[in-house]
Amino acid sequence: MYFIVVKFPVRPGSVDTWMDVVADYTSDCRSEEGNLFFEWSRSVEDPHEFVLVEAFTDEGAAAHVASPHFSEGIEAMRPHLSATPKIVSRQVEGNGWEPMGELRID
């Protein structure tokens, strides 16, 4: 699977509406056949930073980037960002979230 984490630095004036700005993009990405998960969070350290954690099947990753809603979503985000987002994107083994072996709760 392709595991991707992106940190989006959002302009102060767009922080309260960010989730509305990305709502259609989020819905479209979650509907993709190869999507395993697509989850937004807000940084507890920087109130202007939103973090996206997403994963796609090996086959779904290329289709995701090539989709029309990908480029449309990126362009919709652009005026709301204060800097270029930071990304980690890696192909890893697995098919999604797994239990944390070091912190099992029985």
PDB file of N, CA and C in Angstrom:
ATOM      1  N   MET A   1       0.845  -1.178   0.000  1.00  0.00           N
ATOM      2  CA  MET A   1       0.000   0.000   0.000  1.00  0.00           C
ATOM      3  C   MET A   1       0.884   1.231   0.000  1.00  0.00           C
ATOM      4  N   TYR A   2       0.329   2.331  -0.478  1.00  0.00           N
ATOM      5  CA  TYR A   2       0.993   3.622  -0.386  1.00  0.00           C
ATOM      6  C   TYR A   2       0.432   4.352   0.825  1.00  0.00           C
ATOM      7  N   PHE A   3       1.319   4.691   1.754  1.00  0.00           N
ATOM      8  CA  PHE A   3       0.974   5.379   2.985  1.00  0.00           C
ATOM      9  C   PHE A   3       1.478   6.807   2.865  1.00  0.00           C
ATOM     10  N   ILE A   4       0.586   7.767   3.063  1.00  0.00           N
ATOM     11  CA  ILE A   4       0.900   9.169   2.804  1.00  0.00           C
ATOM     12  C   ILE A   4       0.457  10.019   3.993  1.00  0.00           C
ATOM     13  N   VAL A   5       1.337  10.905   4.419  1.00  0.00           N
ATOM     14  CA  VAL A   5       1.008  11.887   5.449  1.00  0.00           C
ATOM     15  C   VAL A   5       1.386  13.254   4.894  1.00  0.00           C
ATOM     16  N   VAL A   6       0.444  14.185   4.938  1.00  0.00           N
ATOM     17  CA  VAL A   6       0.692  15.536   4.434  1.00  0.00           C
ATOM     18  C   VAL A   6       0.314  16.540   5.517  1.00  0.00           C
ATOM     19  N   LYS A   7       1.212  17.508   5.753  1.00  0.00           N
ATOM     20  CA  LYS A   7       0.942  18.602   6.676  1.00  0.00           C
ATOM     21  C   LYS A   7       0.624  19.847   5.858  1.00  0.00           C
ATOM     22  N   PHE A   8      -0.583  20.385   6.049  1.00  0.00           N
ATOM     23  CA  PHE A   8      -1.054  21.555   5.310  1.00  0.00           C
ATOM     24  C   PHE A   8      -1.019  22.795   6.206  1.00  0.00           C
ATOM     25  N   PRO A   9      -0.168  23.780   5.903  1.00  0.00           N
ATOM     26  CA  PRO A   9      -0.154  25.035   6.658  1.00  0.00           C
ATOM     27  C   PRO A   9      -1.235  25.975   6.108  1.00  0.00           C
ATOM     28  N   VAL A  10      -2.278  26.170   6.874  1.00  0.00           N
ATOM     29  CA  VAL A  10      -3.452  26.910   6.413  1.00  0.00           C
ATOM     30  C   VAL A  10      -3.382  28.363   6.904  1.00  0.00           C
ATOM     31  N   ARG A  11      -3.741  29.270   6.011  1.00  0.00           N
ATOM     32  CA  ARG A  11      -3.760  30.692   6.357  1.00  0.00           C
ATOM     33  C   ARG A  11      -4.718  30.913   7.542  1.00  0.00           C
ATOM     34  N   PRO A  12      -4.373  31.835   8.436  1.00  0.00           N
ATOM     35  CA  PRO A  12      -5.233  32.078   9.601  1.00  0.00           C
ATOM     36  C   PRO A  12      -6.695  32.356   9.236  1.00  0.00           C
ATOM     37  N   GLY A  13      -6.930  33.089   8.174  1.00  0.00           N
ATOM     38  CA  GLY A  13      -8.304  33.402   7.780  1.00  0.00           C
ATOM     39  C   GLY A  13      -9.079  32.239   7.198  1.00  0.00           C
ATOM     40  N   SER A  14      -8.405  31.133   6.918  1.00  0.00           N
ATOM     41  CA  SER A  14      -9.066  29.961   6.324  1.00  0.00           C
ATOM     42  C   SER A  14      -9.186  28.781   7.278  1.00  0.00           C
ATOM     43  N   VAL A  15      -8.638  28.914   8.463  1.00  0.00           N
ATOM     44  CA  VAL A  15      -8.621  27.790   9.404  1.00  0.00           C
ATOM     45  C   VAL A  15     -10.037  27.302   9.732  1.00  0.00           C
ATOM     46  N   ASP A  16     -10.948  28.234   9.989  1.00  0.00           N
ATOM     47  CA  ASP A  16     -12.299  27.839  10.388  1.00  0.00           C
ATOM     48  C   ASP A  16     -13.114  27.226   9.262  1.00  0.00           C
ATOM     49  N   THR A  17     -12.726  27.466   8.012  1.00  0.00           N
ATOM     50  CA  THR A  17     -13.479  26.923   6.876  1.00  0.00           C
ATOM     51  C   THR A  17     -12.723  25.821   6.125  1.00  0.00           C
ATOM     52  N   TRP A  18     -11.530  25.448   6.610  1.00  0.00           N
ATOM     53  CA  TRP A  18     -10.694  24.484   5.886  1.00  0.00           C
ATOM     54  C   TRP A  18     -11.430  23.185   5.578  1.00  0.00           C
ATOM     55  N   MET A  19     -12.117  22.632   6.549  1.00  0.00           N
ATOM     56  CA  MET A  19     -12.792  21.352   6.315  1.00  0.00           C
ATOM     57  C   MET A  19     -13.915  21.491   5.281  1.00  0.00           C
ATOM     58  N   ASP A  20     -14.511  22.663   5.167  1.00  0.00           N
ATOM     59  CA  ASP A  20     -15.485  22.912   4.107  1.00  0.00           C
ATOM     60  C   ASP A  20     -14.787  22.997   2.753  1.00  0.00           C
ATOM     61  N   VAL A  21     -13.618  23.638   2.732  1.00  0.00           N
ATOM     62  CA  VAL A  21     -12.839  23.777   1.489  1.00  0.00           C
ATOM     63  C   VAL A  21     -12.488  22.400   0.925  1.00  0.00           C
ATOM     64  N   VAL A  22     -12.141  21.467   1.790  1.00  0.00           N
ATOM     65  CA  VAL A  22     -11.693  20.140   1.341  1.00  0.00           C
ATOM     66  C   VAL A  22     -12.786  19.072   1.398  1.00  0.00           C
ATOM     67  N   ALA A  23     -14.014  19.452   1.682  1.00  0.00           N
ATOM     68  CA  ALA A  23     -15.102  18.475   1.859  1.00  0.00           C
ATOM     69  C   ALA A  23     -15.351  17.631   0.605  1.00  0.00           C
ATOM     70  N   ASP A  24     -15.490  18.255  -0.546  1.00  0.00           N
ATOM     71  CA  ASP A  24     -15.752  17.491  -1.773  1.00  0.00           C
ATOM     72  C   ASP A  24     -14.554  16.620  -2.133  1.00  0.00           C
ATOM     73  N   TYR A  25     -13.371  17.169  -2.008  1.00  0.00           N
ATOM     74  CA  TYR A  25     -12.146  16.417  -2.293  1.00  0.00           C
ATOM     75  C   TYR A  25     -12.056  15.186  -1.387  1.00  0.00           C
ATOM     76  N   THR A  26     -12.323  15.389  -0.120  1.00  0.00           N
ATOM     77  CA  THR A  26     -12.277  14.281   0.843  1.00  0.00           C
ATOM     78  C   THR A  26     -13.282  13.201   0.476  1.00  0.00           C
ATOM     79  N   SER A  27     -14.498  13.597   0.197  1.00  0.00           N
ATOM     80  CA  SER A  27     -15.547  12.642  -0.170  1.00  0.00           C
ATOM     81  C   SER A  27     -15.184  11.873  -1.437  1.00  0.00           C
ATOM     82  N   ASP A  28     -14.686  12.592  -2.433  1.00  0.00           N
ATOM     83  CA  ASP A  28     -14.306  11.944  -3.694  1.00  0.00           C
ATOM     84  C   ASP A  28     -13.151  10.966  -3.501  1.00  0.00           C
ATOM     85  N   CYS A  29     -12.170  11.343  -2.706  1.00  0.00           N
ATOM     86  CA  CYS A  29     -11.014  10.460  -2.469  1.00  0.00           C
ATOM     87  C   CYS A  29     -11.430   9.221  -1.687  1.00  0.00           C
ATOM     88  N   ARG A  30     -12.285   9.403  -0.701  1.00  0.00           N
ATOM     89  CA  ARG A  30     -12.761   8.252   0.082  1.00  0.00           C
ATOM     90  C   ARG A  30     -13.575   7.292  -0.772  1.00  0.00           C
ATOM     91  N   SER A  31     -14.167   7.786  -1.843  1.00  0.00           N
ATOM     92  CA  SER A  31     -14.976   6.945  -2.735  1.00  0.00           C
ATOM     93  C   SER A  31     -14.159   6.191  -3.769  1.00  0.00           C
ATOM     94  N   GLU A  32     -12.884   6.516  -3.896  1.00  0.00           N
ATOM     95  CA  GLU A  32     -12.045   5.842  -4.889  1.00  0.00           C
ATOM     96  C   GLU A  32     -11.914   4.361  -4.552  1.00  0.00           C
ATOM     97  N   GLU A  33     -11.893   3.545  -5.588  1.00  0.00           N
ATOM     98  CA  GLU A  33     -11.798   2.096  -5.409  1.00  0.00           C
ATOM     99  C   GLU A  33     -10.549   1.692  -4.628  1.00  0.00           C
ATOM    100  N   GLY A  34      -9.434   2.339  -4.838  1.00  0.00           N
ATOM    101  CA  GLY A  34      -8.190   1.961  -4.192  1.00  0.00           C
ATOM    102  C   GLY A  34      -7.923   2.630  -2.859  1.00  0.00           C
ATOM    103  N   ASN A  35      -8.871   3.425  -2.354  1.00  0.00           N
ATOM    104  CA  ASN A  35      -8.651   4.126  -1.086  1.00  0.00           C
ATOM    105  C   ASN A  35      -8.838   3.180   0.092  1.00  0.00           C
ATOM    106  N   LEU A  36      -7.867   3.166   0.994  1.00  0.00           N
ATOM    107  CA  LEU A  36      -7.957   2.362   2.215  1.00  0.00           C
ATOM    108  C   LEU A  36      -8.414   3.218   3.396  1.00  0.00           C
ATOM    109  N   PHE A  37      -7.910   4.430   3.490  1.00  0.00           N
ATOM    110  CA  PHE A  37      -8.396   5.399   4.468  1.00  0.00           C
ATOM    111  C   PHE A  37      -7.919   6.790   4.074  1.00  0.00           C
ATOM    112  N   PHE A  38      -8.619   7.794   4.579  1.00  0.00           N
ATOM    113  CA  PHE A  38      -8.362   9.193   4.242  1.00  0.00           C
ATOM    114  C   PHE A  38      -8.860  10.005   5.428  1.00  0.00           C
ATOM    115  N   GLU A  39      -7.955  10.396   6.331  1.00  0.00           N
ATOM    116  CA  GLU A  39      -8.343  10.948   7.622  1.00  0.00           C
ATOM    117  C   GLU A  39      -7.648  12.284   7.906  1.00  0.00           C
ATOM    118  N   TRP A  40      -8.441  13.292   8.225  1.00  0.00           N
ATOM    119  CA  TRP A  40      -7.932  14.615   8.573  1.00  0.00           C
ATOM    120  C   TRP A  40      -7.834  14.767  10.083  1.00  0.00           C
ATOM    121  N   SER A  41      -6.815  15.488  10.538  1.00  0.00           N
ATOM    122  CA  SER A  41      -6.663  15.883  11.934  1.00  0.00           C
ATOM    123  C   SER A  41      -6.118  17.304  11.958  1.00  0.00           C
ATOM    124  N   ARG A  42      -6.272  17.934  13.100  1.00  0.00           N
ATOM    125  CA  ARG A  42      -5.704  19.267  13.294  1.00  0.00           C
ATOM    126  C   ARG A  42      -4.576  19.148  14.307  1.00  0.00           C
ATOM    127  N   SER A  43      -3.472  19.758  14.006  1.00  0.00           N
ATOM    128  CA  SER A  43      -2.316  19.699  14.889  1.00  0.00           C
ATOM    129  C   SER A  43      -2.645  20.285  16.258  1.00  0.00           C
ATOM    130  N   VAL A  44      -2.186  19.612  17.313  1.00  0.00           N
ATOM    131  CA  VAL A  44      -2.356  20.155  18.663  1.00  0.00           C
ATOM    132  C   VAL A  44      -1.247  21.150  18.989  1.00  0.00           C
ATOM    133  N   GLU A  45      -0.208  21.185  18.180  1.00  0.00           N
ATOM    134  CA  GLU A  45       0.911  22.097  18.405  1.00  0.00           C
ATOM    135  C   GLU A  45       0.817  23.377  17.585  1.00  0.00           C
ATOM    136  N   ASP A  46       0.177  23.302  16.427  1.00  0.00           N
ATOM    137  CA  ASP A  46       0.055  24.460  15.545  1.00  0.00           C
ATOM    138  C   ASP A  46      -1.389  24.549  15.068  1.00  0.00           C
ATOM    139  N   PRO A  47      -2.175  25.499  15.575  1.00  0.00           N
ATOM    140  CA  PRO A  47      -3.595  25.573  15.217  1.00  0.00           C
ATOM    141  C   PRO A  47      -3.855  25.910  13.751  1.00  0.00           C
ATOM    142  N   HIS A  48      -2.807  26.265  13.000  1.00  0.00           N
ATOM    143  CA  HIS A  48      -2.957  26.568  11.573  1.00  0.00           C
ATOM    144  C   HIS A  48      -2.535  25.405  10.687  1.00  0.00           C
ATOM    145  N   GLU A  49      -2.251  24.261  11.289  1.00  0.00           N
ATOM    146  CA  GLU A  49      -1.788  23.105  10.515  1.00  0.00           C
ATOM    147  C   GLU A  49      -2.795  21.962  10.594  1.00  0.00           C
ATOM    148  N   PHE A  50      -3.161  21.451   9.419  1.00  0.00           N
ATOM    149  CA  PHE A  50      -4.015  20.281   9.318  1.00  0.00           C
ATOM    150  C   PHE A  50      -3.181  19.136   8.760  1.00  0.00           C
ATOM    151  N   VAL A  51      -3.425  17.944   9.257  1.00  0.00           N
ATOM    152  CA  VAL A  51      -2.645  16.773   8.862  1.00  0.00           C
ATOM    153  C   VAL A  51      -3.591  15.763   8.207  1.00  0.00           C
ATOM    154  N   LEU A  52      -3.199  15.299   7.043  1.00  0.00           N
ATOM    155  CA  LEU A  52      -3.956  14.295   6.310  1.00  0.00           C
ATOM    156  C   LEU A  52      -3.166  12.994   6.318  1.00  0.00           C
ATOM    157  N   VAL A  53      -3.795  11.931   6.790  1.00  0.00           N
ATOM    158  CA  VAL A  53      -3.206  10.591   6.769  1.00  0.00           C
ATOM    159  C   VAL A  53      -4.064   9.773   5.818  1.00  0.00           C
ATOM    160  N   GLU A  54      -3.425   9.244   4.782  1.00  0.00           N
ATOM    161  CA  GLU A  54      -4.179   8.522   3.765  1.00  0.00           C
ATOM    162  C   GLU A  54      -3.398   7.306   3.299  1.00  0.00           C
ATOM    163  N   ALA A  55      -4.117   6.346   2.742  1.00  0.00           N
ATOM    164  CA  ALA A  55      -3.469   5.168   2.172  1.00  0.00           C
ATOM    165  C   ALA A  55      -4.292   4.675   0.991  1.00  0.00           C
ATOM    166  N   PHE A  56      -3.564   4.151   0.021  1.00  0.00           N
ATOM    167  CA  PHE A  56      -4.169   3.604  -1.184  1.00  0.00           C
ATOM    168  C   PHE A  56      -3.529   2.269  -1.499  1.00  0.00           C
ATOM    169  N   THR A  57      -4.277   1.410  -2.138  1.00  0.00           N
ATOM    170  CA  THR A  57      -3.685   0.169  -2.627  1.00  0.00           C
ATOM    171  C   THR A  57      -2.600   0.532  -3.630  1.00  0.00           C
ATOM    172  N   ASP A  58      -1.703  -0.398  -3.884  1.00  0.00           N
ATOM    173  CA  ASP A  58      -0.641  -0.137  -4.866  1.00  0.00           C
ATOM    174  C   ASP A  58      -1.237   0.273  -6.205  1.00  0.00           C
ATOM    175  N   GLU A  59      -2.322  -0.378  -6.595  1.00  0.00           N
ATOM    176  CA  GLU A  59      -2.965  -0.076  -7.878  1.00  0.00           C
ATOM    177  C   GLU A  59      -3.731   1.246  -7.817  1.00  0.00           C
ATOM    178  N   GLY A  60      -4.259   1.582  -6.647  1.00  0.00           N
ATOM    179  CA  GLY A  60      -5.096   2.769  -6.509  1.00  0.00           C
ATOM    180  C   GLY A  60      -4.344   4.077  -6.417  1.00  0.00           C
ATOM    181  N   ALA A  61      -3.075   4.020  -6.062  1.00  0.00           N
ATOM    182  CA  ALA A  61      -2.310   5.259  -5.860  1.00  0.00           C
ATOM    183  C   ALA A  61      -2.179   6.067  -7.145  1.00  0.00           C
ATOM    184  N   ALA A  62      -1.829   5.413  -8.236  1.00  0.00           N
ATOM    185  CA  ALA A  62      -1.662   6.129  -9.511  1.00  0.00           C
ATOM    186  C   ALA A  62      -2.993   6.685 -10.003  1.00  0.00           C
ATOM    187  N   ALA A  63      -4.055   5.914  -9.850  1.00  0.00           N
ATOM    188  CA  ALA A  63      -5.374   6.375 -10.264  1.00  0.00           C
ATOM    189  C   ALA A  63      -5.817   7.584  -9.433  1.00  0.00           C
ATOM    190  N   HIS A  64      -5.450   7.598  -8.157  1.00  0.00           N
ATOM    191  CA  HIS A  64      -5.787   8.718  -7.271  1.00  0.00           C
ATOM    192  C   HIS A  64      -5.177  10.016  -7.800  1.00  0.00           C
ATOM    193  N   VAL A  65      -3.892  10.005  -8.085  1.00  0.00           N
ATOM    194  CA  VAL A  65      -3.199  11.220  -8.538  1.00  0.00           C
ATOM    195  C   VAL A  65      -3.664  11.637  -9.931  1.00  0.00           C
ATOM    196  N   ALA A  66      -4.099  10.681 -10.738  1.00  0.00           N
ATOM    197  CA  ALA A  66      -4.540  10.980 -12.098  1.00  0.00           C
ATOM    198  C   ALA A  66      -6.004  11.411 -12.183  1.00  0.00           C
ATOM    199  N   SER A  67      -6.733  11.319 -11.083  1.00  0.00           N
ATOM    200  CA  SER A  67      -8.168  11.620 -11.113  1.00  0.00           C
ATOM    201  C   SER A  67      -8.414  13.128 -11.252  1.00  0.00           C
ATOM    202  N   PRO A  68      -9.509  13.483 -11.908  1.00  0.00           N
ATOM    203  CA  PRO A  68      -9.834  14.915 -12.046  1.00  0.00           C
ATOM    204  C   PRO A  68     -10.048  15.600 -10.699  1.00  0.00           C
ATOM    205  N   HIS A  69     -10.654  14.892  -9.747  1.00  0.00           N
ATOM    206  CA  HIS A  69     -10.898  15.535  -8.454  1.00  0.00           C
ATOM    207  C   HIS A  69      -9.603  15.795  -7.684  1.00  0.00           C
ATOM    208  N   PHE A  70      -8.531  15.061  -8.007  1.00  0.00           N
ATOM    209  CA  PHE A  70      -7.244  15.334  -7.351  1.00  0.00           C
ATOM    210  C   PHE A  70      -6.755  16.732  -7.738  1.00  0.00           C
ATOM    211  N   SER A  71      -6.673  16.995  -9.025  1.00  0.00           N
ATOM    212  CA  SER A  71      -6.177  18.315  -9.461  1.00  0.00           C
ATOM    213  C   SER A  71      -7.148  19.428  -9.064  1.00  0.00           C
ATOM    214  N   GLU A  72      -8.442  19.162  -9.123  1.00  0.00           N
ATOM    215  CA  GLU A  72      -9.421  20.164  -8.700  1.00  0.00           C
ATOM    216  C   GLU A  72      -9.300  20.463  -7.208  1.00  0.00           C
ATOM    217  N   GLY A  73      -9.096  19.413  -6.419  1.00  0.00           N
ATOM    218  CA  GLY A  73      -8.946  19.582  -4.976  1.00  0.00           C
ATOM    219  C   GLY A  73      -7.698  20.373  -4.625  1.00  0.00           C
ATOM    220  N   ILE A  74      -6.596  20.074  -5.309  1.00  0.00           N
ATOM    221  CA  ILE A  74      -5.341  20.795  -5.072  1.00  0.00           C
ATOM    222  C   ILE A  74      -5.527  22.285  -5.372  1.00  0.00           C
ATOM    223  N   GLU A  75      -6.172  22.587  -6.475  1.00  0.00           N
ATOM    224  CA  GLU A  75      -6.380  23.987  -6.849  1.00  0.00           C
ATOM    225  C   GLU A  75      -7.318  24.695  -5.877  1.00  0.00           C
ATOM    226  N   ALA A  76      -8.315  23.978  -5.352  1.00  0.00           N
ATOM    227  CA  ALA A  76      -9.218  24.577  -4.369  1.00  0.00           C
ATOM    228  C   ALA A  76      -8.491  24.908  -3.071  1.00  0.00           C
ATOM    229  N   MET A  77      -7.485  24.098  -2.727  1.00  0.00           N
ATOM    230  CA  MET A  77      -6.710  24.319  -1.501  1.00  0.00           C
ATOM    231  C   MET A  77      -5.736  25.494  -1.622  1.00  0.00           C
ATOM    232  N   ARG A  78      -5.166  25.644  -2.789  1.00  0.00           N
ATOM    233  CA  ARG A  78      -4.043  26.568  -3.003  1.00  0.00           C
ATOM    234  C   ARG A  78      -4.234  27.958  -2.375  1.00  0.00           C
ATOM    235  N   PRO A  79      -5.349  28.662  -2.598  1.00  0.00           N
ATOM    236  CA  PRO A  79      -5.452  30.022  -2.039  1.00  0.00           C
ATOM    237  C   PRO A  79      -5.579  30.068  -0.517  1.00  0.00           C
ATOM    238  N   HIS A  80      -5.782  28.925   0.103  1.00  0.00           N
ATOM    239  CA  HIS A  80      -5.972  28.867   1.553  1.00  0.00           C
ATOM    240  C   HIS A  80      -4.698  28.470   2.298  1.00  0.00           C
ATOM    241  N   LEU A  81      -3.635  28.186   1.569  1.00  0.00           N
ATOM    242  CA  LEU A  81      -2.393  27.728   2.189  1.00  0.00           C
ATOM    243  C   LEU A  81      -1.397  28.863   2.356  1.00  0.00           C
ATOM    244  N   SER A  82      -0.646  28.821   3.452  1.00  0.00           N
ATOM    245  CA  SER A  82       0.358  29.850   3.717  1.00  0.00           C
ATOM    246  C   SER A  82       1.748  29.445   3.233  1.00  0.00           C
ATOM    247  N   ALA A  83       1.936  28.158   2.915  1.00  0.00           N
ATOM    248  CA  ALA A  83       3.224  27.645   2.437  1.00  0.00           C
ATOM    249  C   ALA A  83       2.973  26.302   1.751  1.00  0.00           C
ATOM    250  N   THR A  84       4.005  25.789   1.119  1.00  0.00           N
ATOM    251  CA  THR A  84       3.914  24.487   0.458  1.00  0.00           C
ATOM    252  C   THR A  84       3.745  23.392   1.508  1.00  0.00           C
ATOM    253  N   PRO A  85       2.770  22.504   1.346  1.00  0.00           N
ATOM    254  CA  PRO A  85       2.607  21.405   2.297  1.00  0.00           C
ATOM    255  C   PRO A  85       3.830  20.485   2.311  1.00  0.00           C
ATOM    256  N   LYS A  86       4.038  19.828   3.436  1.00  0.00           N
ATOM    257  CA  LYS A  86       5.113  18.842   3.605  1.00  0.00           C
ATOM    258  C   LYS A  86       4.488  17.456   3.508  1.00  0.00           C
ATOM    259  N   ILE A  87       5.193  16.514   2.834  1.00  0.00           N
ATOM    260  CA  ILE A  87       4.625  15.197   2.599  1.00  0.00           C
ATOM    261  C   ILE A  87       5.643  14.091   2.865  1.00  0.00           C
ATOM    262  N   VAL A  88       5.132  12.981   3.366  1.00  0.00           N
ATOM    263  CA  VAL A  88       5.862  11.718   3.419  1.00  0.00           C
ATOM    264  C   VAL A  88       4.984  10.729   2.668  1.00  0.00           C
ATOM    265  N   SER A  89       5.535  10.110   1.639  1.00  0.00           N
ATOM    266  CA  SER A  89       4.792   9.152   0.823  1.00  0.00           C
ATOM    267  C   SER A  89       5.686   7.947   0.586  1.00  0.00           C
ATOM    268  N   ARG A  90       5.242   6.794   1.075  1.00  0.00           N
ATOM    269  CA  ARG A  90       6.056   5.583   0.957  1.00  0.00           C
ATOM    270  C   ARG A  90       5.192   4.380   0.630  1.00  0.00           C
ATOM    271  N   GLN A  91       5.758   3.488  -0.127  1.00  0.00           N
ATOM    272  CA  GLN A  91       5.104   2.205  -0.355  1.00  0.00           C
ATOM    273  C   GLN A  91       5.532   1.296   0.792  1.00  0.00           C
ATOM    274  N   VAL A  92       4.559   0.743   1.500  1.00  0.00           N
ATOM    275  CA  VAL A  92       4.829  -0.098   2.655  1.00  0.00           C
ATOM    276  C   VAL A  92       4.013  -1.386   2.563  1.00  0.00           C
ATOM    277  N   GLU A  93       4.430  -2.381   3.311  1.00  0.00           N
ATOM    278  CA  GLU A  93       3.669  -3.625   3.375  1.00  0.00           C
ATOM    279  C   GLU A  93       2.419  -3.397   4.212  1.00  0.00           C
ATOM    280  N   GLY A  94       1.413  -4.192   3.937  1.00  0.00           N
ATOM    281  CA  GLY A  94       0.190  -4.127   4.729  1.00  0.00           C
ATOM    282  C   GLY A  94      -0.992  -3.661   3.925  1.00  0.00           C
ATOM    283  N   ASN A  95      -2.157  -3.698   4.585  1.00  0.00           N
ATOM    284  CA  ASN A  95      -3.405  -3.304   3.947  1.00  0.00           C
ATOM    285  C   ASN A  95      -4.199  -2.320   4.786  1.00  0.00           C
ATOM    286  N   GLY A  96      -3.538  -1.701   5.740  1.00  0.00           N
ATOM    287  CA  GLY A  96      -4.243  -0.745   6.594  1.00  0.00           C
ATOM    288  C   GLY A  96      -3.706  -0.764   8.001  1.00  0.00           C
ATOM    289  N   TRP A  97      -4.494  -0.219   8.910  1.00  0.00           N
ATOM    290  CA  TRP A  97      -4.103  -0.126  10.307  1.00  0.00           C
ATOM    291  C   TRP A  97      -4.033  -1.512  10.938  1.00  0.00           C
ATOM    292  N   GLU A  98      -3.050  -1.696  11.810  1.00  0.00           N
ATOM    293  CA  GLU A  98      -2.887  -2.958  12.546  1.00  0.00           C
ATOM    294  C   GLU A  98      -2.768  -2.637  14.030  1.00  0.00           C
ATOM    295  N   PRO A  99      -3.041  -3.613  14.916  1.00  0.00           N
ATOM    296  CA  PRO A  99      -2.893  -3.361  16.348  1.00  0.00           C
ATOM    297  C   PRO A  99      -1.451  -3.059  16.733  1.00  0.00           C
ATOM    298  N   MET A 100      -1.260  -2.166  17.665  1.00  0.00           N
ATOM    299  CA  MET A 100       0.068  -1.827  18.160  1.00  0.00           C
ATOM    300  C   MET A 100       0.502  -2.896  19.159  1.00  0.00           C
ATOM    301  N   GLY A 101       1.503  -3.680  18.791  1.00  0.00           N
ATOM    302  CA  GLY A 101       1.941  -4.792  19.625  1.00  0.00           C
ATOM    303  C   GLY A 101       2.505  -4.369  20.971  1.00  0.00           C
ATOM    304  N   GLU A 102       3.128  -3.197  21.035  1.00  0.00           N
ATOM    305  CA  GLU A 102       3.744  -2.739  22.278  1.00  0.00           C
ATOM    306  C   GLU A 102       2.744  -2.180  23.274  1.00  0.00           C
ATOM    307  N   LEU A 103       1.525  -1.955  22.855  1.00  0.00           N
ATOM    308  CA  LEU A 103       0.523  -1.348  23.748  1.00  0.00           C
ATOM    309  C   LEU A 103      -0.820  -2.043  23.585  1.00  0.00           C
ATOM    310  N   ARG A 104      -0.830  -3.317  23.839  1.00  0.00           N
ATOM    311  CA  ARG A 104      -2.063  -4.097  23.708  1.00  0.00           C
ATOM    312  C   ARG A 104      -2.977  -3.833  24.908  1.00  0.00           C
ATOM    313  N   ILE A 105      -4.228  -3.716  24.630  1.00  0.00           N
ATOM    314  CA  ILE A 105      -5.252  -3.580  25.669  1.00  0.00           C
ATOM    315  C   ILE A 105      -6.154  -4.808  25.566  1.00  0.00           C
ATOM    316  N   ASP A 106      -6.126  -5.630  26.604  1.00  0.00           N
ATOM    317  CA  ASP A 106      -6.922  -6.870  26.588  1.00  0.00           C
ATOM    318  C   ASP A 106      -8.134  -6.740  27.478  1.00  0.00           C
TER     319      ASP A 106
END
